[in-house]
Amino acid sequence: MIRHLVLLKFTDEATAERRDSLSAAFAGLAAQIPEVHSMEWGPNASPEGLDKGFTHCFLVTFQDEAGRDAYLPHPAHLAFVDELKPWLADVLVVDYAVP
């Protein structure tokens, strides 16, 4: 399995409602893209203060690299990225294989 970890840092202009809407749109990709095996997400709840401004975490799981590779250029994913970009201050993406 491949895990695709995405951390989002929104712009100051992104209201709470906009952040909620974008988070729901991201989560909705699981229903639109068959290669998504599962998705977990939520806002940062850590008390450690080490988030560097990243406020939302998404963990997308794929059966294999081929699933991830089909997801990245999928039209629904690309449309979401276009919707997200104006509200995005930074993003961190890490993929790893589950041993």
C-alpha atoms as a PDB file:
ATOM      1  CA  MET A   1       0.000   0.000   0.000  1.00  0.00           C
ATOM      2  CA  ILE A   2       1.003   3.606  -0.612  1.00  0.00           C
ATOM      3  CA  ARG A   3       0.123   6.398   1.798  1.00  0.00           C
ATOM      4  CA  HIS A   4      -0.093   9.955   0.440  1.00  0.00           C
ATOM      5  CA  LEU A   5       0.156  12.465   3.290  1.00  0.00           C
ATOM      6  CA  VAL A   6      -0.882  16.049   2.510  1.00  0.00           C
ATOM      7  CA  LEU A   7      -0.551  18.953   4.952  1.00  0.00           C
ATOM      8  CA  LEU A   8      -2.216  22.246   4.039  1.00  0.00           C
ATOM      9  CA  LYS A   9      -1.480  25.789   5.169  1.00  0.00           C
ATOM     10  CA  PHE A  10      -4.169  28.210   4.035  1.00  0.00           C
ATOM     11  CA  THR A  11      -3.764  31.890   3.232  1.00  0.00           C
ATOM     12  CA  ASP A  12      -4.961  34.464   5.726  1.00  0.00           C
ATOM     13  CA  GLU A  13      -7.766  35.314   3.275  1.00  0.00           C
ATOM     14  CA  ALA A  14      -9.213  31.792   3.506  1.00  0.00           C
ATOM     15  CA  THR A  15     -12.152  32.078   5.888  1.00  0.00           C
ATOM     16  CA  ALA A  16     -13.216  29.222   8.149  1.00  0.00           C
ATOM     17  CA  GLU A  17     -16.101  28.554   5.760  1.00  0.00           C
ATOM     18  CA  ARG A  18     -13.714  28.420   2.772  1.00  0.00           C
ATOM     19  CA  ARG A  19     -11.397  26.042   4.641  1.00  0.00           C
ATOM     20  CA  ASP A  20     -14.343  23.799   5.514  1.00  0.00           C
ATOM     21  CA  SER A  21     -15.552  23.843   1.905  1.00  0.00           C
ATOM     22  CA  LEU A  22     -12.107  22.985   0.534  1.00  0.00           C
ATOM     23  CA  SER A  23     -11.637  20.231   3.108  1.00  0.00           C
ATOM     24  CA  ALA A  24     -14.980  18.713   2.130  1.00  0.00           C
ATOM     25  CA  ALA A  25     -14.020  18.936  -1.549  1.00  0.00           C
ATOM     26  CA  PHE A  26     -10.710  17.183  -0.848  1.00  0.00           C
ATOM     27  CA  ALA A  27     -12.449  14.452   1.151  1.00  0.00           C
ATOM     28  CA  GLY A  28     -14.984  14.087  -1.657  1.00  0.00           C
ATOM     29  CA  LEU A  29     -12.258  12.935  -4.028  1.00  0.00           C
ATOM     30  CA  ALA A  30     -12.450   9.493  -2.383  1.00  0.00           C
ATOM     31  CA  ALA A  31     -15.910   8.995  -3.885  1.00  0.00           C
ATOM     32  CA  GLN A  32     -14.873  10.293  -7.306  1.00  0.00           C
ATOM     33  CA  ILE A  33     -11.599   8.454  -7.846  1.00  0.00           C
ATOM     34  CA  PRO A  34     -11.846   4.653  -7.680  1.00  0.00           C
ATOM     35  CA  GLU A  35      -8.123   4.207  -6.986  1.00  0.00           C
ATOM     36  CA  VAL A  36      -8.498   5.839  -3.562  1.00  0.00           C
ATOM     37  CA  HIS A  37      -8.623   2.924  -1.133  1.00  0.00           C
ATOM     38  CA  SER A  38      -9.342   5.100   1.900  1.00  0.00           C
ATOM     39  CA  MET A  39      -8.975   8.632   3.178  1.00  0.00           C
ATOM     40  CA  GLU A  40      -8.670  10.113   6.645  1.00  0.00           C
ATOM     41  CA  TRP A  41      -8.462  13.794   7.374  1.00  0.00           C
ATOM     42  CA  GLY A  42      -8.931  16.470   9.961  1.00  0.00           C
ATOM     43  CA  PRO A  43      -7.766  19.797  11.302  1.00  0.00           C
ATOM     44  CA  ASN A  44      -4.647  19.957  13.409  1.00  0.00           C
ATOM     45  CA  ALA A  45      -5.374  19.129  17.044  1.00  0.00           C
ATOM     46  CA  SER A  46      -1.815  18.887  18.353  1.00  0.00           C
ATOM     47  CA  PRO A  47      -1.007  20.901  21.494  1.00  0.00           C
ATOM     48  CA  GLU A  48       2.739  20.817  20.738  1.00  0.00           C
ATOM     49  CA  GLY A  49       2.860  23.986  18.623  1.00  0.00           C
ATOM     50  CA  LEU A  50       5.120  22.386  16.016  1.00  0.00           C
ATOM     51  CA  ASP A  51       2.695  22.619  13.060  1.00  0.00           C
ATOM     52  CA  LYS A  52       4.535  25.521  11.344  1.00  0.00           C
ATOM     53  CA  GLY A  53       1.158  26.936  10.319  1.00  0.00           C
ATOM     54  CA  PHE A  54      -0.157  23.763   8.671  1.00  0.00           C
ATOM     55  CA  THR A  55      -3.753  23.410   9.798  1.00  0.00           C
ATOM     56  CA  HIS A  56      -5.207  20.437   7.897  1.00  0.00           C
ATOM     57  CA  CYS A  57      -3.954  16.899   7.310  1.00  0.00           C
ATOM     58  CA  PHE A  58      -5.163  14.390   4.709  1.00  0.00           C
ATOM     59  CA  LEU A  59      -3.982  10.785   4.554  1.00  0.00           C
ATOM     60  CA  VAL A  60      -4.928   9.091   1.279  1.00  0.00           C
ATOM     61  CA  THR A  61      -4.263   5.372   0.919  1.00  0.00           C
ATOM     62  CA  PHE A  62      -3.824   3.524  -2.373  1.00  0.00           C
ATOM     63  CA  GLN A  63      -3.412  -0.212  -2.963  1.00  0.00           C
ATOM     64  CA  ASP A  64      -0.176   0.417  -4.860  1.00  0.00           C
ATOM     65  CA  GLU A  65       1.898   2.961  -6.761  1.00  0.00           C
ATOM     66  CA  ALA A  66      -0.254   2.462  -9.856  1.00  0.00           C
ATOM     67  CA  GLY A  67      -3.302   3.650  -7.897  1.00  0.00           C
ATOM     68  CA  ARG A  68      -1.445   6.737  -6.698  1.00  0.00           C
ATOM     69  CA  ASP A  69      -0.143   7.363 -10.191  1.00  0.00           C
ATOM     70  CA  ALA A  70      -3.699   7.212 -11.581  1.00  0.00           C
ATOM     71  CA  TYR A  71      -4.964   9.587  -8.865  1.00  0.00           C
ATOM     72  CA  LEU A  72      -2.442  12.380  -9.438  1.00  0.00           C
ATOM     73  CA  PRO A  73      -3.508  13.271 -13.026  1.00  0.00           C
ATOM     74  CA  HIS A  74      -7.182  12.332 -12.506  1.00  0.00           C
ATOM     75  CA  PRO A  75      -9.460  15.173 -13.717  1.00  0.00           C
ATOM     76  CA  ALA A  76     -11.273  15.373 -10.357  1.00  0.00           C
ATOM     77  CA  HIS A  77      -7.958  15.739  -8.505  1.00  0.00           C
ATOM     78  CA  LEU A  78      -6.666  18.353 -10.942  1.00  0.00           C
ATOM     79  CA  ALA A  79      -9.917  20.330 -10.689  1.00  0.00           C
ATOM     80  CA  PHE A  80      -9.649  20.285  -6.904  1.00  0.00           C
ATOM     81  CA  VAL A  81      -6.039  21.472  -7.031  1.00  0.00           C
ATOM     82  CA  ASP A  82      -7.096  24.393  -9.252  1.00  0.00           C
ATOM     83  CA  GLU A  83      -9.833  25.270  -6.736  1.00  0.00           C
ATOM     84  CA  LEU A  84      -7.389  25.016  -3.810  1.00  0.00           C
ATOM     85  CA  LYS A  85      -4.415  26.956  -5.203  1.00  0.00           C
ATOM     86  CA  PRO A  86      -5.734  30.510  -4.659  1.00  0.00           C
ATOM     87  CA  TRP A  87      -6.282  29.730  -0.969  1.00  0.00           C
ATOM     88  CA  LEU A  88      -3.063  27.809  -0.370  1.00  0.00           C
ATOM     89  CA  ALA A  89      -0.128  29.421   1.422  1.00  0.00           C
ATOM     90  CA  ASP A  90       1.898  26.193   1.484  1.00  0.00           C
ATOM     91  CA  VAL A  91       1.568  22.450   1.087  1.00  0.00           C
ATOM     92  CA  LEU A  92       3.681  19.502   2.200  1.00  0.00           C
ATOM     93  CA  VAL A  93       3.272  16.133   0.521  1.00  0.00           C
ATOM     94  CA  VAL A  94       4.995  12.903   1.558  1.00  0.00           C
ATOM     95  CA  ASP A  95       4.300   9.475   0.073  1.00  0.00           C
ATOM     96  CA  TYR A  96       5.482   6.259   1.664  1.00  0.00           C
ATOM     97  CA  ALA A  97       5.062   2.549   1.155  1.00  0.00           C
ATOM     98  CA  VAL A  98       3.495   0.651   4.023  1.00  0.00           C
ATOM     99  CA  PRO A  99       5.940  -2.112   5.009  1.00  0.00           C
END
